[in-house]
Protein backbone atom coordinates (compact mmCIF):
# COMPACT_ATOMS: atom_id res chain seq x y z
CA UNK A 1 -34.74 -44.35 56.93
CA UNK A 2 -34.03 -46.71 54.26
CA UNK A 3 -36.86 -45.82 52.26
CA UNK A 4 -36.04 -42.14 52.43
CA UNK A 5 -32.42 -42.84 51.34
CA UNK A 6 -33.68 -44.93 48.40
CA UNK A 7 -36.12 -41.91 47.35
CA UNK A 8 -33.23 -39.70 47.74
CA UNK A 9 -30.97 -41.83 45.51
CA UNK A 10 -33.92 -42.29 43.10
CA UNK A 11 -34.45 -38.51 42.94
CA UNK A 12 -30.64 -37.81 42.12
CA UNK A 13 -30.89 -40.37 39.30
CA UNK A 14 -33.69 -38.85 37.81
CA UNK A 15 -32.16 -35.13 38.00
CA UNK A 16 -29.10 -36.74 36.01
CA UNK A 17 -31.16 -38.21 33.43
CA UNK A 18 -33.19 -34.96 33.04
CA UNK A 19 -30.02 -33.04 32.47
CA UNK A 20 -28.42 -35.63 30.05
CA UNK A 21 -31.88 -35.46 28.06
CA UNK A 22 -31.60 -31.66 27.86
CA UNK A 23 -28.12 -31.93 26.32
CA UNK A 24 -29.17 -34.42 23.81
CA UNK A 25 -32.16 -32.38 22.89
CA UNK A 26 -30.12 -29.39 22.21
CA UNK A 27 -27.57 -31.14 20.30
CA UNK A 28 -30.32 -32.89 18.06
CA UNK A 29 -31.65 -29.20 17.47
CA UNK A 30 -28.29 -27.99 16.52
CA UNK A 31 -27.85 -30.79 14.09
CA UNK A 32 -31.25 -30.43 12.58
CA UNK A 33 -30.63 -26.62 12.09
CA UNK A 34 -27.24 -27.36 10.47
CA UNK A 35 -28.70 -29.65 8.02
CA UNK A 36 -31.59 -27.52 6.94
CA UNK A 37 -29.30 -24.48 6.57
CA UNK A 38 -26.82 -26.51 4.45
CA UNK A 39 -29.53 -28.03 2.12
CA UNK A 40 -31.32 -24.54 1.54
CA UNK A 41 -28.09 -22.83 0.50
CA UNK A 42 -27.05 -25.60 -1.73
CA UNK A 43 -23.54 -23.87 -2.02
CA UNK A 44 -20.92 -22.47 0.14
CA UNK A 45 -21.59 -18.88 1.40
CA UNK A 46 -18.71 -16.58 0.10
CA UNK A 47 -17.03 -14.44 2.64
CA UNK A 48 -15.76 -10.98 2.51
CA UNK A 49 -12.30 -12.39 1.51
CA UNK A 50 -13.84 -14.21 -1.45
CA UNK A 51 -15.20 -10.74 -2.48
CA UNK A 52 -11.75 -9.00 -2.14
CA UNK A 53 -10.10 -11.79 -4.07
CA UNK A 54 -12.45 -11.45 -6.89
CA UNK A 55 -12.30 -7.82 -7.04
CA UNK A 56 -8.68 -7.15 -8.64
CA UNK A 57 -9.59 -9.17 -11.58
CA UNK A 58 -12.81 -6.94 -12.52
CA UNK A 59 -10.39 -3.79 -11.86
CA UNK A 60 -7.63 -5.34 -14.05
CA UNK A 61 -10.05 -5.87 -16.75
CA UNK A 62 -11.37 -2.19 -16.67
CA UNK A 63 -7.75 -0.94 -16.58
CA UNK A 64 -6.88 -3.13 -19.66
CA UNK A 65 -9.89 -1.81 -21.66
CA UNK A 66 -9.03 1.86 -20.78
CA UNK A 67 -5.44 1.26 -21.73
CA UNK A 68 -6.21 -0.26 -24.99
CA UNK A 69 -8.29 2.76 -25.88
CA UNK A 70 -5.48 5.16 -24.85
CA UNK A 71 -3.19 3.17 -27.11
CA UNK A 72 -5.49 3.26 -30.08
CA UNK A 73 -5.81 6.96 -29.61
CA UNK A 74 -2.20 7.42 -29.57
CA UNK A 75 -1.70 5.53 -32.67
CA UNK A 76 -4.37 7.70 -34.29
CA UNK A 77 -2.55 10.76 -33.45
CA UNK A 78 0.78 9.58 -34.43
CA UNK A 79 -0.61 8.85 -37.92
CA UNK A 80 -2.16 12.55 -38.10
CA UNK A 81 1.07 14.02 -36.99
CA UNK A 82 2.76 12.25 -39.69
CA UNK A 83 0.42 13.37 -42.29
CA UNK A 84 0.98 16.91 -41.26
CA UNK A 85 4.70 16.48 -41.01
CA UNK A 86 4.70 17.64 -37.55
CA UNK A 87 7.02 14.85 -35.90
CA UNK A 88 9.52 17.31 -34.68
CA UNK A 89 7.12 19.57 -32.96
CA UNK A 90 4.08 17.51 -31.77
CA UNK A 91 4.36 14.25 -30.04
CA UNK A 92 1.86 12.01 -28.27
CA UNK A 93 2.44 9.54 -25.15
CA UNK A 94 0.41 7.49 -22.97
CA UNK A 95 0.78 7.48 -19.03
CA UNK A 96 -1.25 5.17 -17.41
CA UNK A 97 -4.92 5.66 -18.89
CA UNK A 98 -4.09 9.10 -19.88
CA UNK A 99 -3.06 10.44 -23.41
CA UNK A 100 -0.82 13.56 -23.48
CA UNK A 101 -0.31 15.53 -26.70
CA UNK A 102 2.41 17.99 -26.64
CA UNK A 103 2.73 20.93 -29.06
CA UNK A 104 5.92 22.99 -28.92
CA UNK A 105 5.68 26.76 -29.19
CA UNK A 106 7.27 26.69 -32.60
CA UNK A 107 4.10 25.62 -34.16
CA UNK A 108 1.59 27.19 -31.82
CA UNK A 109 2.33 30.91 -30.96
CA UNK A 110 4.78 33.50 -31.72
CA UNK A 111 7.32 34.34 -28.99
CA UNK A 112 5.45 36.25 -26.13
CA UNK A 113 2.14 36.04 -27.75
CA UNK A 114 -1.05 33.78 -27.41
CA UNK A 115 -2.78 33.96 -30.94
CA UNK A 116 -2.85 30.53 -32.46
CA UNK A 117 -1.07 30.18 -35.51
CA UNK A 118 -3.03 29.49 -38.55
CA UNK A 119 -0.58 26.49 -39.28
CA UNK A 120 -1.73 24.64 -36.18
CA UNK A 121 -5.59 24.70 -37.06
CA UNK A 122 -5.25 21.25 -38.97
CA UNK A 123 -3.64 19.69 -35.93
CA UNK A 124 -6.56 21.32 -33.42
CA UNK A 125 -9.15 20.08 -35.73
CA UNK A 126 -7.82 16.40 -35.58
CA UNK A 127 -7.49 16.72 -31.81
CA UNK A 128 -11.10 18.06 -31.68
CA UNK A 129 -12.50 15.34 -33.70
CA UNK A 130 -10.68 12.79 -31.72
CA UNK A 131 -12.40 14.45 -28.59
CA UNK A 132 -15.80 14.27 -30.19
CA UNK A 133 -15.33 10.50 -30.91
CA UNK A 134 -14.51 9.62 -27.36
CA UNK A 135 -17.05 11.30 -25.19
CA UNK A 136 -16.09 9.41 -22.22
CA UNK A 137 -12.63 11.51 -21.98
CA UNK A 138 -12.28 14.68 -20.15
CA UNK A 139 -9.71 17.31 -21.45
CA UNK A 140 -7.03 19.38 -19.49
CA UNK A 141 -5.37 22.02 -21.59
CA UNK A 142 -2.04 23.21 -19.80
CA UNK A 143 0.23 26.10 -20.93
CA UNK A 144 3.97 25.95 -20.21
CA UNK A 145 6.61 28.59 -20.54
CA UNK A 146 10.42 28.68 -19.97
CA UNK A 147 12.19 30.45 -17.10
CA UNK A 148 13.11 33.56 -18.75
CA UNK A 149 10.88 36.35 -17.39
CA UNK A 150 8.13 38.07 -19.46
CA UNK A 151 6.74 41.72 -18.51
CA UNK A 152 4.51 43.30 -21.08
CA UNK A 153 1.11 45.03 -20.82
CA UNK A 154 -0.77 41.98 -21.86
CA UNK A 155 1.33 39.47 -19.74
CA UNK A 156 3.08 40.70 -16.79
CA UNK A 157 4.65 37.23 -16.03
CA UNK A 158 4.92 33.74 -17.32
CA UNK A 159 1.84 32.91 -15.49
CA UNK A 160 -0.53 35.07 -17.74
CA UNK A 161 1.11 34.01 -20.88
CA UNK A 162 0.84 30.27 -19.90
CA UNK A 163 -2.78 30.68 -19.14
CA UNK A 164 -3.81 32.80 -22.13
CA UNK A 165 -2.11 30.23 -24.30
CA UNK A 166 -4.35 27.25 -22.91
CA UNK A 167 -7.18 29.63 -23.21
CA UNK A 168 -6.70 30.22 -26.81
CA UNK A 169 -6.62 26.62 -27.54
CA UNK A 170 -9.85 25.98 -25.51
CA UNK A 171 -11.70 28.76 -27.35
CA UNK A 172 -10.52 27.34 -30.68
CA UNK A 173 -11.84 23.81 -29.84
CA UNK A 174 -15.28 25.20 -28.50
CA UNK A 175 -15.95 27.77 -30.90
CA UNK A 176 -14.99 25.76 -34.23
CA UNK A 177 -16.20 22.10 -33.09
CA UNK A 178 -18.95 22.72 -30.66
CA UNK A 179 -17.69 20.50 -27.92
CA UNK A 180 -19.24 20.36 -24.47
CA UNK A 181 -17.40 23.16 -22.46
CA UNK A 182 -17.91 21.12 -19.12
CA UNK A 183 -15.38 18.25 -20.43
CA UNK A 184 -12.63 20.81 -20.94
CA UNK A 185 -10.55 22.75 -18.51
CA UNK A 186 -7.42 24.93 -18.62
CA UNK A 187 -4.39 25.31 -16.46
CA UNK A 188 -1.52 27.76 -16.57
CA UNK A 189 1.89 26.38 -15.15
CA UNK A 190 4.39 29.13 -16.27
CA UNK A 191 7.86 27.61 -15.64
CA UNK A 192 6.96 25.60 -12.70
CA UNK A 193 6.78 22.09 -14.69
CA UNK A 194 9.64 22.04 -17.18
CA UNK A 195 9.90 19.07 -19.47
CA UNK A 196 13.77 19.48 -19.24
CA UNK A 197 16.21 21.81 -17.23
CA UNK A 198 16.23 25.27 -18.76
CA UNK A 199 20.03 25.20 -19.32
CA UNK A 200 20.36 25.79 -22.98
CA UNK A 201 18.25 27.71 -25.71
CA UNK A 202 17.27 24.44 -27.22
CA UNK A 203 15.78 23.21 -23.83
CA UNK A 204 14.09 26.34 -23.22
CA UNK A 205 12.42 25.88 -26.43
CA UNK A 206 11.12 22.47 -25.64
CA UNK A 207 9.65 23.78 -22.25
CA UNK A 208 7.61 26.64 -24.21
CA UNK A 209 4.79 24.10 -25.01
CA UNK A 210 1.01 23.36 -24.82
CA UNK A 211 -0.09 20.04 -23.39
CA UNK A 212 -3.48 18.48 -24.14
CA UNK A 213 -4.27 15.64 -21.74
CA UNK A 214 -7.21 13.31 -22.42
CA UNK A 215 -8.28 11.16 -19.50
CA UNK A 216 -11.14 8.87 -19.12
CA UNK A 217 -13.96 9.84 -16.71
CA UNK A 218 -13.71 7.89 -13.50
CA UNK A 219 -16.82 5.37 -13.29
C-alpha cells in the first residue's frame, strides 16, 4: 500500500515537471525567434500609419511644384497682355493649379457673331505658344454670353453662340499651331455661369467672354 502511494506521488511530481519543462521550452523558442527576427531586420518595421504620415509631404511637394509652374505661366501671360496693350480686356488668374485666361467680347468677336477678330490673333498666338511649351497641360476653352436672348438663323439661342465661339478659338489654335487636338476641349455655357450679375450693360459686357483654362494632367 505504501509503495503504491509513493509511486503515485512520484508520477504526479513527474507530470508536473514535464509540464513546466514544456512551458520553458516554448518560452525559449519564442525568445530565440524574437531575437532572430529583430537581428535580421536591423530596423523597426514601418506601419501603415507611418506611410500615411509620410504621404502628405510628397503630395505637398507635387502641389507646390504645380503651383509654381502656374504662377510662372500667369506672370508670362501678364507680360504679353501688357505688351499688346490689352490689360482692360484680357486678364489671367490662377485657381489652385489651374491658369484661367479671360478674354472679353470686345476684343474677340462682334456682337452676336463667332468669327474671331483679327486683332485677337497675336494674343491667341501667344497662348498657343504657351500651350506648346507646357505639354503636360490640358486646355479647356469655354464660351460665355450674357442673359439677353439671341435668335438668329445661325444661333437660335445663347447656347449655340457660346459653343460656336469656343469652337472658333479651338480651330484657330489647332489650324495655326498644330497643337494635338486631344489636349483641347470646348464647352458652351451660354449665360449659366456669369462672372457678375447681369444687372447693367457694363456687367453684361463682362459676362460676354471666352475663358481658356490650362490645367496640368493628373499623374
